[in-house]
Amino acid sequence: MNPAPLMRLYHTGIIVNDLDKAMSQMGTALGLLWAPPKTSTAPLLCPDGIVDREVRFTYSLQGPHFIELLEQVNAAPYLNLTGGRYVHHLGYFTDDLPGAADYLEQQGYRRELSGAPENGAITRASFHYNPEAPGMWIELVSHEIAGEIGDWIAEAAAEAGLPYQSPFE
């Protein structure tokens, strides 16, 4: 068996019904500030094939360990998957997305969702599920996305006058 590729926990994702309301309520209650929300409309490979989806999301500026809030504008890819939809996933970044995805599959975490394949390999991110831990996915994020997320959070933290410590180094 090949050694496990680098995977480092950096966030917990939580599905919310209203992103702006959750940012306000959770920010106040937990003393968190948030990066400006973003919208993603990238297609995802799911059991129904490649399906478009739209999600609005943000990350806490305080971390690492970051809190990610997601408002599923179009949740279609997620609806036929195993597990819960609210305390959604633990997010890990990796320099070897295909290798880390294969490793998790060998450990019993089946891949249920991923970025649409390019040249036969999964891209950007993948979600894995183990029925022994119902309701919780593991998200693997490629180093490209991790860099984008790190730059985004660092810029927002600087604008808020907060120190930023990258979880990706």
Protein backbone atom coordinates (compact mmCIF):
# COMPACT_ATOMS: atom_id res chain seq x y z
CA MET A 1 0.00 0.00 0.00
CA ASN A 2 1.29 3.45 -0.84
CA PRO A 3 1.91 5.88 2.03
CA ALA A 4 -0.89 8.31 2.71
CA PRO A 5 -0.62 11.61 0.82
CA LEU A 6 -0.55 14.84 2.80
CA MET A 7 -4.02 15.81 4.02
CA ARG A 8 -4.38 18.64 6.56
CA LEU A 9 -7.65 19.56 8.29
CA TYR A 10 -8.41 23.27 7.87
CA HIS A 11 -12.17 23.86 8.02
CA THR A 12 -15.63 22.60 8.93
CA GLY A 13 -18.43 23.34 6.48
CA ILE A 14 -21.96 24.06 7.69
CA ILE A 15 -25.00 24.34 5.41
CA VAL A 16 -27.23 27.30 6.29
CA ASN A 17 -30.60 28.41 4.93
CA ASP A 18 -29.71 32.11 4.68
CA LEU A 19 -26.02 33.02 4.44
CA ASP A 20 -26.38 36.67 5.42
CA LYS A 21 -28.53 35.85 8.46
CA ALA A 22 -26.17 33.05 9.55
CA MET A 23 -23.13 35.32 9.18
CA SER A 24 -24.82 37.91 11.38
CA GLN A 25 -26.12 35.53 14.04
CA MET A 26 -23.09 33.23 14.20
CA GLY A 27 -20.66 36.13 13.92
CA THR A 28 -22.22 37.83 16.92
CA ALA A 29 -22.64 34.65 18.97
CA LEU A 30 -19.18 33.24 18.26
CA GLY A 31 -17.20 36.46 17.85
CA LEU A 32 -16.41 35.72 14.20
CA LEU A 33 -15.85 38.01 11.26
CA TRP A 34 -16.39 36.73 7.72
CA ALA A 35 -14.73 37.02 4.34
CA PRO A 36 -16.96 38.66 1.72
CA PRO A 37 -19.33 35.98 0.39
CA LYS A 38 -18.57 34.35 -2.93
CA THR A 39 -20.77 32.44 -5.35
CA SER A 40 -19.65 29.29 -7.14
CA THR A 41 -21.48 27.81 -10.11
CA ALA A 42 -19.03 25.10 -11.18
CA PRO A 43 -20.53 21.80 -12.38
CA LEU A 44 -20.02 18.74 -10.20
CA LEU A 45 -19.86 15.06 -11.02
CA CYS A 46 -22.45 13.24 -8.92
CA PRO A 47 -24.42 9.96 -9.12
CA ASP A 48 -26.76 11.64 -11.65
CA GLY A 49 -23.85 12.66 -13.92
CA ILE A 50 -22.42 16.15 -14.24
CA VAL A 51 -24.90 18.57 -12.68
CA ASP A 52 -24.77 22.35 -12.42
CA ARG A 53 -24.99 23.79 -8.95
CA GLU A 54 -24.85 27.21 -7.34
CA VAL A 55 -23.70 27.91 -3.81
CA ARG A 56 -22.97 31.12 -1.86
CA PHE A 57 -20.31 30.69 0.79
CA THR A 58 -17.91 32.41 3.16
CA TYR A 59 -15.14 31.52 5.58
CA SER A 60 -14.47 32.85 9.06
CA LEU A 61 -11.49 35.18 9.19
CA GLN A 62 -10.36 33.69 12.45
CA GLY A 63 -8.46 30.45 12.14
CA PRO A 64 -7.05 28.11 11.41
CA HIS A 65 -9.46 26.01 11.96
CA PHE A 66 -11.91 27.96 9.81
CA ILE A 67 -15.71 27.78 9.74
CA GLU A 68 -17.22 27.69 6.24
CA LEU A 69 -20.88 28.65 5.81
CA LEU A 70 -22.66 27.51 2.63
CA GLU A 71 -26.06 28.53 1.31
CA GLN A 72 -27.10 26.09 -1.40
CA VAL A 73 -28.87 28.18 -4.02
CA ASN A 74 -29.14 25.10 -6.25
CA ALA A 75 -28.50 21.99 -4.17
CA ALA A 76 -29.27 19.49 -6.97
CA PRO A 77 -25.92 17.63 -6.90
CA TYR A 78 -26.16 17.09 -3.15
CA LEU A 79 -29.72 15.79 -2.92
CA ASN A 80 -29.09 12.15 -3.95
CA LEU A 81 -26.00 11.67 -1.79
CA THR A 82 -25.65 9.69 1.39
CA GLY A 83 -25.53 11.53 4.69
CA GLY A 84 -26.64 14.74 6.26
CA ARG A 85 -26.67 18.18 4.76
CA TYR A 86 -26.07 20.55 7.67
CA VAL A 87 -22.91 19.77 9.59
CA HIS A 88 -21.62 18.93 6.22
CA HIS A 89 -17.93 18.10 6.03
CA LEU A 90 -14.40 18.31 7.33
CA GLY A 91 -12.25 19.99 4.72
CA TYR A 92 -8.68 18.91 3.98
CA PHE A 93 -6.34 20.32 1.39
CA THR A 94 -3.92 18.17 -0.56
CA ASP A 95 -1.17 18.53 -3.15
CA ASP A 96 -2.30 15.23 -4.72
CA LEU A 97 -6.07 15.25 -5.17
CA PRO A 98 -6.30 12.02 -7.22
CA GLY A 99 -3.90 10.22 -4.85
CA ALA A 100 -5.66 11.44 -1.71
CA ALA A 101 -9.07 10.53 -3.19
CA ASP A 102 -7.81 7.02 -4.01
CA TYR A 103 -6.37 6.70 -0.50
CA LEU A 104 -9.69 7.65 1.13
CA GLU A 105 -11.52 5.19 -1.12
CA GLN A 106 -9.11 2.45 0.02
CA GLN A 107 -10.01 3.39 3.61
CA GLY A 108 -13.73 2.91 2.96
CA TYR A 109 -14.66 6.52 2.10
CA ARG A 110 -16.39 6.28 -1.25
CA ARG A 111 -16.20 9.29 -3.55
CA GLU A 112 -19.69 10.69 -4.04
CA LEU A 113 -18.99 14.09 -5.55
CA SER A 114 -16.06 15.74 -7.30
CA GLY A 115 -15.04 18.47 -9.66
CA ALA A 116 -15.79 17.54 -13.26
CA PRO A 117 -12.94 15.39 -14.65
CA GLU A 118 -10.34 16.85 -16.97
CA ASN A 119 -8.10 14.47 -18.91
CA GLY A 120 -9.60 11.58 -16.94
CA ALA A 121 -8.63 12.92 -13.49
CA ILE A 122 -10.88 14.55 -10.90
CA THR A 123 -10.28 18.26 -10.42
CA ARG A 124 -10.54 20.96 -7.79
CA ALA A 125 -12.28 19.06 -4.97
CA SER A 126 -13.96 15.80 -4.03
CA PHE A 127 -16.34 14.67 -1.29
CA HIS A 128 -16.04 11.24 0.33
CA TYR A 129 -18.48 9.38 2.58
CA ASN A 130 -18.09 6.50 5.00
CA PRO A 131 -21.33 4.87 6.21
CA GLU A 132 -19.68 4.26 9.59
CA ALA A 133 -19.71 8.03 10.16
CA PRO A 134 -23.21 8.89 8.88
CA GLY A 135 -23.92 12.48 8.05
CA MET A 136 -20.32 13.65 7.69
CA TRP A 137 -18.28 13.92 4.51
CA ILE A 138 -14.58 14.48 4.04
CA GLU A 139 -13.81 17.17 1.44
CA LEU A 140 -10.46 17.11 -0.31
CA VAL A 141 -9.47 20.45 -1.80
CA SER A 142 -6.71 20.72 -4.39
CA HIS A 143 -3.75 22.99 -3.76
CA GLU A 144 -5.05 25.34 -6.48
CA ILE A 145 -8.29 25.95 -4.60
CA ALA A 146 -6.47 26.12 -1.26
CA GLY A 147 -4.30 28.92 -2.67
CA GLU A 148 -7.37 30.83 -3.89
CA ILE A 149 -9.12 30.42 -0.53
CA GLY A 150 -5.99 31.40 1.41
CA ASP A 151 -5.51 34.58 -0.64
CA TRP A 152 -9.19 35.48 -0.24
CA ILE A 153 -9.22 35.01 3.57
CA ALA A 154 -5.84 36.76 3.99
CA GLU A 155 -7.06 39.82 2.06
CA ALA A 156 -10.30 40.03 4.05
CA ALA A 157 -8.44 39.56 7.36
CA ALA A 158 -5.99 42.33 6.44
CA GLU A 159 -8.88 44.67 5.59
CA ALA A 160 -10.40 43.87 9.01
CA GLY A 161 -7.04 44.45 10.75
CA LEU A 162 -6.77 40.83 11.86
CA PRO A 163 -3.67 38.63 11.68
CA TYR A 164 -3.84 35.73 9.27
CA GLN A 165 -2.09 32.40 9.68
CA SER A 166 -2.25 30.20 6.60
CA PRO A 167 -3.28 26.60 7.26
CA PHE A 168 -1.90 25.66 3.83
CA GLU A 169 1.83 25.97 4.59
